[in-house]
Amino acid sequence: LHREAVALVVRTPWPAPDWSDHPMFGPVTEAFANAQAAGEIRADIRPERLTQILSTITFGFAASLDLSASVRVRDARLVIDLFLKGLRVDGST
């Protein structure tokens, strides 16, 4: 059943979620904007879009039915770390 549910979600086009009313949206978006202004992360993606992408990735771990809570948290932190490292501007630390 889980496999069929995932297949349904993957095949069905869904509108992008609107995260703007979530309490984390503002601070995370501001952090991305500040990092872009400081030249720490790439600036070719709007901070709001980065927040939406990060939220979607993080929610995917929260929705994983077959993982324990500790594994979901560990994996979510790893993906966030990889996501942020991938946004770095070449040569930034």
C-alpha atoms as a PDB file:
ATOM      1  CA  LEU A   1       0.000   0.000   0.000  1.00  0.00           C
ATOM      2  CA  HIS A   2       2.826   2.410   0.812  1.00  0.00           C
ATOM      3  CA  ARG A   3       4.369   1.804  -2.617  1.00  0.00           C
ATOM      4  CA  GLU A   4       1.051   2.508  -4.360  1.00  0.00           C
ATOM      5  CA  ALA A   5       0.541   5.683  -2.331  1.00  0.00           C
ATOM      6  CA  VAL A   6       3.999   6.948  -3.261  1.00  0.00           C
ATOM      7  CA  ALA A   7       3.372   6.086  -6.917  1.00  0.00           C
ATOM      8  CA  LEU A   8       0.109   8.062  -6.843  1.00  0.00           C
ATOM      9  CA  VAL A   9       1.831  11.112  -5.395  1.00  0.00           C
ATOM     10  CA  VAL A  10       4.710  10.934  -7.871  1.00  0.00           C
ATOM     11  CA  ARG A  11       2.398  10.605 -10.875  1.00  0.00           C
ATOM     12  CA  THR A  12      -0.063  13.315  -9.823  1.00  0.00           C
ATOM     13  CA  PRO A  13       0.964  16.906 -10.551  1.00  0.00           C
ATOM     14  CA  TRP A  14       0.518  18.913  -7.364  1.00  0.00           C
ATOM     15  CA  PRO A  15       0.677  22.671  -7.047  1.00  0.00           C
ATOM     16  CA  ALA A  16       3.663  23.980  -5.125  1.00  0.00           C
ATOM     17  CA  PRO A  17       2.699  24.400  -1.470  1.00  0.00           C
ATOM     18  CA  ASP A  18       2.393  27.912  -0.103  1.00  0.00           C
ATOM     19  CA  TRP A  19       4.630  27.957   2.953  1.00  0.00           C
ATOM     20  CA  SER A  20       4.409  31.718   3.453  1.00  0.00           C
ATOM     21  CA  ASP A  21       1.987  31.477   6.382  1.00  0.00           C
ATOM     22  CA  HIS A  22       4.152  28.989   8.295  1.00  0.00           C
ATOM     23  CA  PRO A  23       6.046  30.539  11.251  1.00  0.00           C
ATOM     24  CA  MET A  24       9.409  29.279  10.000  1.00  0.00           C
ATOM     25  CA  PHE A  25       9.033  30.799   6.540  1.00  0.00           C
ATOM     26  CA  GLY A  26      10.009  34.354   7.496  1.00  0.00           C
ATOM     27  CA  PRO A  27      13.151  33.595   9.534  1.00  0.00           C
ATOM     28  CA  VAL A  28      14.430  30.958   7.095  1.00  0.00           C
ATOM     29  CA  THR A  29      13.790  33.219   4.094  1.00  0.00           C
ATOM     30  CA  GLU A  30      15.561  36.065   5.880  1.00  0.00           C
ATOM     31  CA  ALA A  31      18.541  33.812   6.641  1.00  0.00           C
ATOM     32  CA  PHE A  32      18.794  32.856   2.943  1.00  0.00           C
ATOM     33  CA  ALA A  33      18.529  36.526   1.894  1.00  0.00           C
ATOM     34  CA  ASN A  34      21.249  37.523   4.364  1.00  0.00           C
ATOM     35  CA  ALA A  35      23.522  34.706   3.179  1.00  0.00           C
ATOM     36  CA  GLN A  36      22.992  35.764  -0.431  1.00  0.00           C
ATOM     37  CA  ALA A  37      23.723  39.414   0.400  1.00  0.00           C
ATOM     38  CA  ALA A  38      26.945  38.340   2.138  1.00  0.00           C
ATOM     39  CA  GLY A  39      27.970  36.307  -0.931  1.00  0.00           C
ATOM     40  CA  GLU A  40      27.913  33.052   1.038  1.00  0.00           C
ATOM     41  CA  ILE A  41      25.346  31.231  -1.091  1.00  0.00           C
ATOM     42  CA  ARG A  42      24.402  31.452  -4.735  1.00  0.00           C
ATOM     43  CA  ALA A  43      22.051  34.289  -5.620  1.00  0.00           C
ATOM     44  CA  ASP A  44      20.332  32.886  -8.703  1.00  0.00           C
ATOM     45  CA  ILE A  45      17.399  31.454  -6.718  1.00  0.00           C
ATOM     46  CA  ARG A  46      15.004  33.692  -4.778  1.00  0.00           C
ATOM     47  CA  PRO A  47      15.199  33.239  -0.976  1.00  0.00           C
ATOM     48  CA  GLU A  48      11.462  32.452  -0.876  1.00  0.00           C
ATOM     49  CA  ARG A  49      11.931  29.648  -3.390  1.00  0.00           C
ATOM     50  CA  LEU A  50      14.877  28.254  -1.431  1.00  0.00           C
ATOM     51  CA  THR A  51      12.673  28.196   1.671  1.00  0.00           C
ATOM     52  CA  GLN A  52       9.933  26.364  -0.243  1.00  0.00           C
ATOM     53  CA  ILE A  53      12.409  23.787  -1.535  1.00  0.00           C
ATOM     54  CA  LEU A  54      13.959  23.240   1.892  1.00  0.00           C
ATOM     55  CA  SER A  55      10.497  22.929   3.471  1.00  0.00           C
ATOM     56  CA  THR A  56       9.424  20.365   0.895  1.00  0.00           C
ATOM     57  CA  ILE A  57      12.577  18.308   1.427  1.00  0.00           C
ATOM     58  CA  THR A  58      12.208  18.437   5.203  1.00  0.00           C
ATOM     59  CA  PHE A  59       8.514  17.515   5.069  1.00  0.00           C
ATOM     60  CA  GLY A  60       9.419  14.442   3.028  1.00  0.00           C
ATOM     61  CA  PHE A  61      11.325  13.071   5.991  1.00  0.00           C
ATOM     62  CA  ALA A  62       8.546  13.909   8.411  1.00  0.00           C
ATOM     63  CA  ALA A  63       6.102  12.002   6.198  1.00  0.00           C
ATOM     64  CA  SER A  64       8.260   8.872   5.906  1.00  0.00           C
ATOM     65  CA  LEU A  65       6.157   6.116   7.387  1.00  0.00           C
ATOM     66  CA  ASP A  66       8.776   3.396   7.481  1.00  0.00           C
ATOM     67  CA  LEU A  67      11.480   5.257   9.409  1.00  0.00           C
ATOM     68  CA  SER A  68      11.791   5.736  13.131  1.00  0.00           C
ATOM     69  CA  ALA A  69      11.654   9.289  14.460  1.00  0.00           C
ATOM     70  CA  SER A  70      15.369   9.290  15.279  1.00  0.00           C
ATOM     71  CA  VAL A  71      16.277   8.111  11.759  1.00  0.00           C
ATOM     72  CA  ARG A  72      13.984  10.739  10.178  1.00  0.00           C
ATOM     73  CA  VAL A  73      15.605  13.501  12.249  1.00  0.00           C
ATOM     74  CA  ARG A  74      19.120  12.275  11.454  1.00  0.00           C
ATOM     75  CA  ASP A  75      18.391  11.967   7.738  1.00  0.00           C
ATOM     76  CA  ALA A  76      16.609  15.334   7.593  1.00  0.00           C
ATOM     77  CA  ARG A  77      19.614  17.032   9.193  1.00  0.00           C
ATOM     78  CA  LEU A  78      21.923  15.331   6.695  1.00  0.00           C
ATOM     79  CA  VAL A  79      19.833  16.450   3.714  1.00  0.00           C
ATOM     80  CA  ILE A  80      19.630  20.017   5.043  1.00  0.00           C
ATOM     81  CA  ASP A  81      23.404  20.026   5.480  1.00  0.00           C
ATOM     82  CA  LEU A  82      23.919  18.733   1.939  1.00  0.00           C
ATOM     83  CA  PHE A  83      21.342  21.202   0.602  1.00  0.00           C
ATOM     84  CA  LEU A  84      23.088  24.156   2.229  1.00  0.00           C
ATOM     85  CA  LYS A  85      26.562  23.014   1.146  1.00  0.00           C
ATOM     86  CA  GLY A  86      25.279  22.761  -2.414  1.00  0.00           C
ATOM     87  CA  LEU A  87      24.154  26.387  -2.293  1.00  0.00           C
ATOM     88  CA  ARG A  88      27.601  27.691  -1.356  1.00  0.00           C
ATOM     89  CA  VAL A  89      29.322  30.045  -3.708  1.00  0.00           C
ATOM     90  CA  ASP A  90      32.598  28.563  -4.981  1.00  0.00           C
ATOM     91  CA  GLY A  91      35.378  29.493  -2.590  1.00  0.00           C
ATOM     92  CA  SER A  92      33.123  30.410   0.355  1.00  0.00           C
ATOM     93  CA  THR A  93      33.434  28.650   3.694  1.00  0.00           C
END
